[in-house]
Protein backbone atom coordinates (compact mmCIF):
# COMPACT_ATOMS: atom_id res chain seq x y z
CA MET A 1 7.17 20.22 -0.99
CA LYS A 2 10.28 20.87 -2.98
CA TYR A 3 12.56 23.80 -2.34
CA PHE A 4 14.76 25.91 -4.59
CA ILE A 5 17.62 27.49 -2.68
CA ASP A 6 19.39 30.59 -3.95
CA HIS A 7 22.77 30.57 -2.19
CA LYS A 8 23.79 33.90 -3.73
CA ILE A 9 21.12 35.93 -1.93
CA LYS A 10 20.38 33.35 0.80
CA ARG A 11 16.73 32.93 -0.11
CA ILE A 12 14.57 29.80 -0.13
CA HIS A 13 11.82 29.49 -2.72
CA SER A 14 8.98 27.06 -3.14
CA GLN A 15 9.86 25.27 -6.36
CA GLN A 16 6.17 25.24 -7.26
CA PHE A 17 5.76 29.03 -7.03
CA ALA A 18 9.23 30.39 -7.89
CA GLY A 19 9.21 32.81 -10.80
CA ASP A 20 10.77 35.93 -12.28
CA SER A 21 9.33 38.15 -9.53
CA CYS A 22 11.43 36.26 -6.97
CA GLY A 23 14.63 37.88 -8.23
CA PHE A 24 16.78 34.81 -8.78
CA VAL A 25 17.09 35.18 -12.56
CA SER A 26 20.58 36.68 -12.31
CA THR A 27 21.82 34.04 -9.86
CA PRO A 28 24.41 31.77 -11.52
CA ILE A 29 23.44 28.10 -11.74
CA ALA A 30 26.39 27.20 -9.49
CA TYR A 31 24.60 29.05 -6.65
CA ARG A 32 21.25 27.27 -7.13
CA GLU A 33 20.19 24.11 -5.36
CA PHE A 34 17.03 22.00 -5.22
CA THR A 35 16.07 19.90 -2.21
CA ASN A 36 13.16 17.96 -0.75
CA CYS A 37 14.54 18.10 2.79
CA PRO A 38 12.61 20.38 5.19
CA ALA A 39 15.21 19.76 7.94
CA TYR A 40 17.97 21.13 5.68
CA VAL A 41 15.85 24.20 4.86
CA LYS A 42 15.13 24.74 8.55
CA ARG A 43 18.85 24.56 9.36
CA LEU A 44 19.69 27.12 6.67
CA ILE A 45 17.08 29.51 8.10
CA GLU A 46 18.08 29.04 11.74
CA GLU A 47 21.86 28.75 11.44
CA GLU A 48 22.85 30.43 8.17
CA ASN A 49 20.42 33.39 8.13
CA TYR A 50 18.57 32.32 4.98
CA SER A 51 15.03 33.61 4.52
CA LYS A 52 11.94 32.34 2.77
CA CYS A 53 10.98 34.21 -0.38
CA SER A 54 8.02 36.49 0.31
CA ASN A 55 6.73 36.03 -3.26
CA CYS A 56 6.64 32.25 -2.90
CA VAL A 57 5.07 32.39 0.56
CA SER A 58 2.24 34.65 -0.61
CA ALA A 59 1.69 32.90 -3.97
CA PRO A 60 -0.77 30.24 -2.68
CA THR A 61 -2.90 33.00 -1.10
CA LYS A 62 -2.89 35.03 -4.31
CA LEU A 63 -3.93 31.97 -6.36
CA HIS A 64 -6.70 31.15 -3.92
CA LYS A 65 -8.08 34.71 -4.09
CA LYS A 66 -8.08 34.61 -7.92
CA SER A 67 -9.99 31.32 -7.98
CA ILE A 68 -12.67 32.74 -5.68
CA SER A 69 -13.21 35.88 -7.80
């Protein structure tokens, strides 16, 4: 899984599900980072008070529900 990190608002997105509803559109490129390292993401959450994006976390569930309908 690849991650998109928004350092401006301290939020971690799933690169696969990140979109306009995540609220990073106004974040300058200098504050954006992409990584494949889960250990780095874990450290940001535990030590730097970053959070996972609720839109990205719920996106797989929303897609699954649509495919069932």
